[in-house]
Each structure stands twice: as C-alpha cells, then as structure tokens.
Amino acid sequence: RRETDQDEVISSSAIRKASSRLPLALTRSVP
C-alpha cells in the first residue's frame, strides 16, 4: 500500500508537482 501524508499519497509525481509551485530560489533545499 502506498504511503500517505495527511491523506495525500506520497509519490515522486506529487513531489514534482508540489515543488513546481515553489519559487525557483527555494527549490535547492526544501523542507
């Protein structure tokens, strides 16, 4: 079963999507 975080499935696609909304200056090291 897939891992979730606050009911959101954790996946590489989800991480890419979330990070694409961040300002470029913040994408080098993001909590």
PDB file of all heavy atoms in Angstrom:
ATOM      1  N   ARG A   1       0.836  -1.193   0.000  1.00  0.00           N
ATOM      2  CA  ARG A   1       0.000   0.000   0.000  1.00  0.00           C
ATOM      3  C   ARG A   1       0.871   1.243   0.000  1.00  0.00           C
ATOM      4  O   ARG A   1       1.936   1.285   0.618  1.00  0.00           O
ATOM      5  CB  ARG A   1      -0.917   0.018   1.225  1.00  0.00           C
ATOM      6  CG  ARG A   1      -1.961  -1.076   1.223  1.00  0.00           C
ATOM      7  CD  ARG A   1      -3.003  -0.848   2.295  1.00  0.00           C
ATOM      8  NE  ARG A   1      -3.757   0.384   2.052  1.00  0.00           N
ATOM      9  CZ  ARG A   1      -4.765   0.804   2.828  1.00  0.00           C
ATOM     10  NH1 ARG A   1      -5.128   0.104   3.886  1.00  0.00           N
ATOM     11  NH2 ARG A   1      -5.396   1.915   2.530  1.00  0.00           N
ATOM     12  N   ARG A   2       0.389   2.275  -0.689  1.00  0.00           N
ATOM     13  CA  ARG A   2       1.171   3.494  -0.793  1.00  0.00           C
ATOM     14  C   ARG A   2       1.178   4.266   0.518  1.00  0.00           C
ATOM     15  O   ARG A   2       0.188   4.288   1.242  1.00  0.00           O
ATOM     16  CB  ARG A   2       0.629   4.371  -1.919  1.00  0.00           C
ATOM     17  CG  ARG A   2       0.882   3.792  -3.289  1.00  0.00           C
ATOM     18  CD  ARG A   2       0.336   4.655  -4.397  1.00  0.00           C
ATOM     19  NE  ARG A   2      -1.121   4.625  -4.430  1.00  0.00           N
ATOM     20  CZ  ARG A   2      -1.845   5.255  -5.341  1.00  0.00           C
ATOM     21  NH1 ARG A   2      -1.259   5.969  -6.286  1.00  0.00           N
ATOM     22  NH2 ARG A   2      -3.162   5.179  -5.317  1.00  0.00           N
ATOM     23  N   GLU A   3       2.303   4.906   0.800  1.00  0.00           N
ATOM     24  CA  GLU A   3       2.426   5.753   1.979  1.00  0.00           C
ATOM     25  C   GLU A   3       1.656   7.056   1.748  1.00  0.00           C
ATOM     26  O   GLU A   3       1.577   7.555   0.615  1.00  0.00           O
ATOM     27  CB  GLU A   3       3.893   6.084   2.239  1.00  0.00           C
ATOM     28  CG  GLU A   3       4.762   4.890   2.609  1.00  0.00           C
ATOM     29  CD  GLU A   3       4.552   4.460   4.044  1.00  0.00           C
ATOM     30  OE1 GLU A   3       4.564   5.322   4.943  1.00  0.00           O
ATOM     31  OE2 GLU A   3       4.385   3.240   4.263  1.00  0.00           O
ATOM     32  N   THR A   4       1.099   7.596   2.810  1.00  0.00           N
ATOM     33  CA  THR A   4       0.371   8.862   2.708  1.00  0.00           C
ATOM     34  C   THR A   4       0.869   9.840   3.767  1.00  0.00           C
ATOM     35  O   THR A   4       1.449   9.446   4.775  1.00  0.00           O
ATOM     36  CB  THR A   4      -1.144   8.664   2.885  1.00  0.00           C
ATOM     37  OG1 THR A   4      -1.395   8.090   4.182  1.00  0.00           O
ATOM     38  CG2 THR A   4      -1.708   7.750   1.813  1.00  0.00           C
ATOM     39  N   ASP A   5       0.626  11.108   3.511  1.00  0.00           N
ATOM     40  CA  ASP A   5       0.934  12.171   4.453  1.00  0.00           C
ATOM     41  C   ASP A   5      -0.268  13.108   4.475  1.00  0.00           C
ATOM     42  O   ASP A   5      -0.569  13.757   3.472  1.00  0.00           O
ATOM     43  CB  ASP A   5       2.196  12.924   4.030  1.00  0.00           C
ATOM     44  CG  ASP A   5       2.562  14.034   5.005  1.00  0.00           C
ATOM     45  OD1 ASP A   5       2.309  13.859   6.213  1.00  0.00           O
ATOM     46  OD2 ASP A   5       3.085  15.065   4.558  1.00  0.00           O
ATOM     47  N   GLN A   6      -0.979  13.125   5.607  1.00  0.00           N
ATOM     48  CA  GLN A   6      -2.190  13.939   5.733  1.00  0.00           C
ATOM     49  C   GLN A   6      -3.152  13.640   4.585  1.00  0.00           C
ATOM     50  O   GLN A   6      -3.670  14.527   3.913  1.00  0.00           O
ATOM     51  CB  GLN A   6      -1.837  15.426   5.772  1.00  0.00           C
ATOM     52  CG  GLN A   6      -0.981  15.796   6.965  1.00  0.00           C
ATOM     53  CD  GLN A   6      -0.618  17.270   7.006  1.00  0.00           C
ATOM     54  OE1 GLN A   6      -0.900  18.017   6.076  1.00  0.00           O
ATOM     55  NE2 GLN A   6       0.005  17.695   8.090  1.00  0.00           N
ATOM     56  N   ASP A   7      -3.379  12.334   4.361  1.00  0.00           N
ATOM     57  CA  ASP A   7      -4.321  11.824   3.360  1.00  0.00           C
ATOM     58  C   ASP A   7      -3.869  12.044   1.925  1.00  0.00           C
ATOM     59  O   ASP A   7      -4.620  11.749   0.984  1.00  0.00           O
ATOM     60  CB  ASP A   7      -5.715  12.434   3.548  1.00  0.00           C
ATOM     61  CG  ASP A   7      -6.336  12.058   4.886  1.00  0.00           C
ATOM     62  OD1 ASP A   7      -6.091  10.923   5.334  1.00  0.00           O
ATOM     63  OD2 ASP A   7      -7.050  12.894   5.463  1.00  0.00           O
ATOM     64  N   GLU A   8      -2.659  12.555   1.708  1.00  0.00           N
ATOM     65  CA  GLU A   8      -2.145  12.716   0.354  1.00  0.00           C
ATOM     66  C   GLU A   8      -1.127  11.622   0.077  1.00  0.00           C
ATOM     67  O   GLU A   8      -0.239  11.363   0.872  1.00  0.00           O
ATOM     68  CB  GLU A   8      -1.485  14.085   0.177  1.00  0.00           C
ATOM     69  CG  GLU A   8      -0.984  14.320  -1.242  1.00  0.00           C
ATOM     70  CD  GLU A   8      -0.409  15.706  -1.431  1.00  0.00           C
ATOM     71  OE1 GLU A   8      -0.479  16.512  -0.490  1.00  0.00           O
ATOM     72  OE2 GLU A   8       0.126  15.972  -2.522  1.00  0.00           O
ATOM     73  N   VAL A   9      -1.309  10.945  -1.068  1.00  0.00           N
ATOM     74  CA  VAL A   9      -0.394   9.872  -1.438  1.00  0.00           C
ATOM     75  C   VAL A   9       0.997  10.437  -1.696  1.00  0.00           C
ATOM     76  O   VAL A   9       1.158  11.455  -2.375  1.00  0.00           O
ATOM     77  CB  VAL A   9      -0.902   9.142  -2.704  1.00  0.00           C
ATOM     78  CG1 VAL A   9       0.146   8.149  -3.210  1.00  0.00           C
ATOM     79  CG2 VAL A   9      -2.206   8.411  -2.408  1.00  0.00           C
ATOM     80  N   ILE A  10       2.005   9.781  -1.124  1.00  0.00           N
ATOM     81  CA  ILE A  10       3.385  10.188  -1.336  1.00  0.00           C
ATOM     82  C   ILE A  10       3.896   9.511  -2.605  1.00  0.00           C
ATOM     83  O   ILE A  10       3.899   8.289  -2.713  1.00  0.00           O
ATOM     84  CB  ILE A  10       4.268   9.789  -0.141  1.00  0.00           C
ATOM     85  CG1 ILE A  10       3.810  10.524   1.121  1.00  0.00           C
ATOM     86  CG2 ILE A  10       5.737  10.086  -0.421  1.00  0.00           C
ATOM     87  CD1 ILE A  10       4.521  10.081   2.377  1.00  0.00           C
ATOM     88  N   SER A  11       4.304  10.309  -3.561  1.00  0.00           N
ATOM     89  CA  SER A  11       4.828   9.776  -4.816  1.00  0.00           C
ATOM     90  C   SER A  11       5.804  10.777  -5.399  1.00  0.00           C
ATOM     91  O   SER A  11       5.786  11.964  -5.051  1.00  0.00           O
ATOM     92  CB  SER A  11       3.701   9.517  -5.815  1.00  0.00           C
ATOM     93  OG  SER A  11       3.142  10.737  -6.268  1.00  0.00           O
ATOM     94  N   SER A  12       6.645  10.304  -6.302  1.00  0.00           N
ATOM     95  CA  SER A  12       7.577  11.214  -6.975  1.00  0.00           C
ATOM     96  C   SER A  12       6.811  12.265  -7.766  1.00  0.00           C
ATOM     97  O   SER A  12       7.199  13.436  -7.801  1.00  0.00           O
ATOM     98  CB  SER A  12       8.516  10.428  -7.901  1.00  0.00           C
ATOM     99  OG  SER A  12       9.333   9.549  -7.158  1.00  0.00           O
ATOM    100  N   SER A  13       5.721  11.859  -8.394  1.00  0.00           N
ATOM    101  CA  SER A  13       4.916  12.804  -9.172  1.00  0.00           C
ATOM    102  C   SER A  13       4.354  13.906  -8.287  1.00  0.00           C
ATOM    103  O   SER A  13       4.351  15.089  -8.668  1.00  0.00           O
ATOM    104  CB  SER A  13       3.777  12.077  -9.883  1.00  0.00           C
ATOM    105  OG  SER A  13       4.275  11.141 -10.810  1.00  0.00           O
ATOM    106  N   ALA A  14       3.881  13.541  -7.087  1.00  0.00           N
ATOM    107  CA  ALA A  14       3.327  14.535  -6.169  1.00  0.00           C
ATOM    108  C   ALA A  14       4.407  15.504  -5.697  1.00  0.00           C
ATOM    109  O   ALA A  14       4.161  16.706  -5.562  1.00  0.00           O
ATOM    110  CB  ALA A  14       2.672  13.843  -4.975  1.00  0.00           C
ATOM    111  N   ILE A  15       5.611  14.983  -5.453  1.00  0.00           N
ATOM    112  CA  ILE A  15       6.708  15.846  -5.018  1.00  0.00           C
ATOM    113  C   ILE A  15       7.096  16.805  -6.136  1.00  0.00           C
ATOM    114  O   ILE A  15       7.315  17.999  -5.898  1.00  0.00           O
ATOM    115  CB  ILE A  15       7.917  15.008  -4.560  1.00  0.00           C
ATOM    116  CG1 ILE A  15       7.559  14.190  -3.318  1.00  0.00           C
ATOM    117  CG2 ILE A  15       9.119  15.904  -4.274  1.00  0.00           C
ATOM    118  CD1 ILE A  15       8.624  13.212  -2.897  1.00  0.00           C
ATOM    119  N   ARG A  16       7.171  16.288  -7.367  1.00  0.00           N
ATOM    120  CA  ARG A  16       7.490  17.169  -8.501  1.00  0.00           C
ATOM    121  C   ARG A  16       6.435  18.261  -8.641  1.00  0.00           C
ATOM    122  O   ARG A  16       6.751  19.431  -8.871  1.00  0.00           O
ATOM    123  CB  ARG A  16       7.572  16.355  -9.787  1.00  0.00           C
ATOM    124  CG  ARG A  16       8.719  15.381  -9.867  1.00  0.00           C
ATOM    125  CD  ARG A  16       8.799  14.767 -11.241  1.00  0.00           C
ATOM    126  NE  ARG A  16       9.646  13.577 -11.236  1.00  0.00           N
ATOM    127  CZ  ARG A  16       9.187  12.336 -11.317  1.00  0.00           C
ATOM    128  NH1 ARG A  16       7.879  12.130 -11.448  1.00  0.00           N
ATOM    129  NH2 ARG A  16      10.013  11.321 -11.296  1.00  0.00           N
ATOM    130  N   LYS A  17       5.177  17.877  -8.527  1.00  0.00           N
ATOM    131  CA  LYS A  17       4.091  18.842  -8.680  1.00  0.00           C
ATOM    132  C   LYS A  17       4.140  19.902  -7.594  1.00  0.00           C
ATOM    133  O   LYS A  17       3.996  21.106  -7.870  1.00  0.00           O
ATOM    134  CB  LYS A  17       2.745  18.123  -8.643  1.00  0.00           C
ATOM    135  CG  LYS A  17       1.544  19.036  -8.866  1.00  0.00           C
ATOM    136  CD  LYS A  17       0.257  18.227  -8.873  1.00  0.00           C
ATOM    137  CE  LYS A  17      -0.951  19.122  -9.085  1.00  0.00           C
ATOM    138  NZ  LYS A  17      -2.224  18.337  -9.085  1.00  0.00           N
ATOM    139  N   ALA A  18       4.372  19.472  -6.349  1.00  0.00           N
ATOM    140  CA  ALA A  18       4.422  20.420  -5.237  1.00  0.00           C
ATOM    141  C   ALA A  18       5.606  21.367  -5.389  1.00  0.00           C
ATOM    142  O   ALA A  18       5.487  22.575  -5.158  1.00  0.00           O
ATOM    143  CB  ALA A  18       4.506  19.670  -3.920  1.00  0.00           C
ATOM    144  N   SER A  19       6.748  20.831  -5.789  1.00  0.00           N
ATOM    145  CA  SER A  19       7.941  21.668  -5.891  1.00  0.00           C
ATOM    146  C   SER A  19       7.861  22.626  -7.067  1.00  0.00           C
ATOM    147  O   SER A  19       8.479  23.695  -7.043  1.00  0.00           O
ATOM    148  CB  SER A  19       9.189  20.798  -6.009  1.00  0.00           C
ATOM    149  OG  SER A  19       9.146  20.029  -7.190  1.00  0.00           O
ATOM    150  N   SER A  20       7.082  22.269  -8.093  1.00  0.00           N
ATOM    151  CA  SER A  20       6.973  23.156  -9.256  1.00  0.00           C
ATOM    152  C   SER A  20       6.238  24.444  -8.921  1.00  0.00           C
ATOM    153  O   SER A  20       6.335  25.430  -9.656  1.00  0.00           O
ATOM    154  CB  SER A  20       6.247  22.428 -10.392  1.00  0.00           C
ATOM    155  OG  SER A  20       4.877  22.228 -10.075  1.00  0.00           O
ATOM    156  N   ARG A  21       5.526  24.460  -7.796  1.00  0.00           N
ATOM    157  CA  ARG A  21       4.800  25.663  -7.390  1.00  0.00           C
ATOM    158  C   ARG A  21       5.643  26.569  -6.513  1.00  0.00           C
ATOM    159  O   ARG A  21       5.203  27.652  -6.125  1.00  0.00           O
ATOM    160  CB  ARG A  21       3.522  25.268  -6.638  1.00  0.00           C
ATOM    161  CG  ARG A  21       2.530  24.477  -7.488  1.00  0.00           C
ATOM    162  CD  ARG A  21       1.178  24.391  -6.810  1.00  0.00           C
ATOM    163  NE  ARG A  21       1.236  23.630  -5.574  1.00  0.00           N
ATOM    164  CZ  ARG A  21       0.944  22.321  -5.494  1.00  0.00           C
ATOM    165  NH1 ARG A  21       0.594  21.655  -6.578  1.00  0.00           N
ATOM    166  NH2 ARG A  21       1.000  21.689  -4.345  1.00  0.00           N
ATOM    167  N   LEU A  22       6.867  26.118  -6.175  1.00  0.00           N
ATOM    168  CA  LEU A  22       7.737  26.910  -5.306  1.00  0.00           C
ATOM    169  C   LEU A  22       8.549  27.894  -6.131  1.00  0.00           C
ATOM    170  O   LEU A  22       8.899  27.618  -7.288  1.00  0.00           O
ATOM    171  CB  LEU A  22       8.686  25.993  -4.539  1.00  0.00           C
ATOM    172  CG  LEU A  22       8.044  25.053  -3.520  1.00  0.00           C
ATOM    173  CD1 LEU A  22       9.072  24.024  -3.069  1.00  0.00           C
ATOM    174  CD2 LEU A  22       7.503  25.818  -2.330  1.00  0.00           C
ATOM    175  N   PRO A  23       8.896  29.043  -5.556  1.00  0.00           N
ATOM    176  CA  PRO A  23       9.805  29.961  -6.247  1.00  0.00           C
ATOM    177  C   PRO A  23      11.130  29.277  -6.533  1.00  0.00           C
ATOM    178  O   PRO A  23      11.614  28.469  -5.738  1.00  0.00           O
ATOM    179  CB  PRO A  23       9.979  31.112  -5.251  1.00  0.00           C
ATOM    180  CG  PRO A  23       8.784  31.023  -4.354  1.00  0.00           C
ATOM    181  CD  PRO A  23       8.445  29.563  -4.260  1.00  0.00           C
ATOM    182  N   LEU A  24      11.733  29.574  -7.665  1.00  0.00           N
ATOM    183  CA  LEU A  24      12.975  28.924  -8.063  1.00  0.00           C
ATOM    184  C   LEU A  24      14.052  29.032  -6.994  1.00  0.00           C
ATOM    185  O   LEU A  24      14.803  28.098  -6.759  1.00  0.00           O
ATOM    186  CB  LEU A  24      13.473  29.544  -9.371  1.00  0.00           C
ATOM    187  CG  LEU A  24      14.763  28.955  -9.949  1.00  0.00           C
ATOM    188  CD1 LEU A  24      14.551  27.477 -10.271  1.00  0.00           C
ATOM    189  CD2 LEU A  24      15.176  29.714 -11.191  1.00  0.00           C
ATOM    190  N   ALA A  25      14.107  30.171  -6.311  1.00  0.00           N
ATOM    191  CA  ALA A  25      15.151  30.380  -5.305  1.00  0.00           C
ATOM    192  C   ALA A  25      15.025  29.427  -4.129  1.00  0.00           C
ATOM    193  O   ALA A  25      15.971  29.215  -3.395  1.00  0.00           O
ATOM    194  CB  ALA A  25      15.104  31.831  -4.808  1.00  0.00           C
ATOM    195  N   LEU A  26      13.819  28.848  -3.938  1.00  0.00           N
ATOM    196  CA  LEU A  26      13.607  27.972  -2.795  1.00  0.00           C
ATOM    197  C   LEU A  26      13.817  26.506  -3.130  1.00  0.00           C
ATOM    198  O   LEU A  26      13.783  25.670  -2.243  1.00  0.00           O
ATOM    199  CB  LEU A  26      12.183  28.155  -2.255  1.00  0.00           C
ATOM    200  CG  LEU A  26      11.837  29.535  -1.708  1.00  0.00           C
ATOM    201  CD1 LEU A  26      10.383  29.541  -1.228  1.00  0.00           C
ATOM    202  CD2 LEU A  26      12.770  29.925  -0.566  1.00  0.00           C
ATOM    203  N   THR A  27      14.000  26.179  -4.400  1.00  0.00           N
ATOM    204  CA  THR A  27      13.991  24.775  -4.773  1.00  0.00           C
ATOM    205  C   THR A  27      15.284  24.033  -4.490  1.00  0.00           C
ATOM    206  O   THR A  27      15.350  22.837  -4.678  1.00  0.00           O
ATOM    207  CB  THR A  27      13.664  24.616  -6.277  1.00  0.00           C
ATOM    208  OG1 THR A  27      14.651  25.302  -7.039  1.00  0.00           O
ATOM    209  CG2 THR A  27      12.288  25.157  -6.580  1.00  0.00           C
ATOM    210  N   ARG A  28      16.331  24.709  -4.050  1.00  0.00           N
ATOM    211  CA  ARG A  28      17.577  23.989  -3.788  1.00  0.00           C
ATOM    212  C   ARG A  28      17.511  23.153  -2.524  1.00  0.00           C
ATOM    213  O   ARG A  28      18.088  22.081  -2.453  1.00  0.00           O
ATOM    214  CB  ARG A  28      18.755  24.966  -3.701  1.00  0.00           C
ATOM    215  CG  ARG A  28      19.169  25.547  -5.041  1.00  0.00           C
ATOM    216  CD  ARG A  28      20.584  26.039  -4.994  1.00  0.00           C
ATOM    217  NE  ARG A  28      21.535  24.979  -4.678  1.00  0.00           N
ATOM    218  CZ  ARG A  28      22.020  24.144  -5.585  1.00  0.00           C
ATOM    219  NH1 ARG A  28      21.630  24.198  -6.836  1.00  0.00           N
ATOM    220  NH2 ARG A  28      22.897  23.222  -5.222  1.00  0.00           N
ATOM    221  N   SER A  29      16.804  23.606  -1.506  1.00  0.00           N
ATOM    222  CA  SER A  29      16.700  22.826  -0.282  1.00  0.00           C
ATOM    223  C   SER A  29      15.389  23.151   0.391  1.00  0.00           C
ATOM    224  O   SER A  29      15.230  24.199   0.990  1.00  0.00           O
ATOM    225  CB  SER A  29      17.871  23.134   0.663  1.00  0.00           C
ATOM    226  OG  SER A  29      17.820  22.311   1.806  1.00  0.00           O
ATOM    227  N   VAL A  30      14.454  22.229   0.255  1.00  0.00           N
ATOM    228  CA  VAL A  30      13.084  22.496   0.680  1.00  0.00           C
ATOM    229  C   VAL A  30      12.664  21.521   1.756  1.00  0.00           C
ATOM    230  O   VAL A  30      12.787  20.306   1.587  1.00  0.00           O
ATOM    231  CB  VAL A  30      12.118  22.362  -0.522  1.00  0.00           C
ATOM    232  CG1 VAL A  30      10.700  22.688  -0.101  1.00  0.00           C
ATOM    233  CG2 VAL A  30      12.557  23.262  -1.657  1.00  0.00           C
ATOM    234  N   PRO A  31      12.178  22.004   2.920  1.00  0.00           N
ATOM    235  CA  PRO A  31      11.660  21.080   3.923  1.00  0.00           C
ATOM    236  C   PRO A  31      10.372  20.459   3.425  1.00  0.00           C
ATOM    237  O   PRO A  31       9.426  21.150   3.090  1.00  0.00           O
ATOM    238  CB  PRO A  31      11.420  21.981   5.148  1.00  0.00           C
ATOM    239  CG  PRO A  31      11.217  23.352   4.574  1.00  0.00           C
ATOM    240  CD  PRO A  31      12.060  23.415   3.332  1.00  0.00           C
TER     241      PRO A  31
END
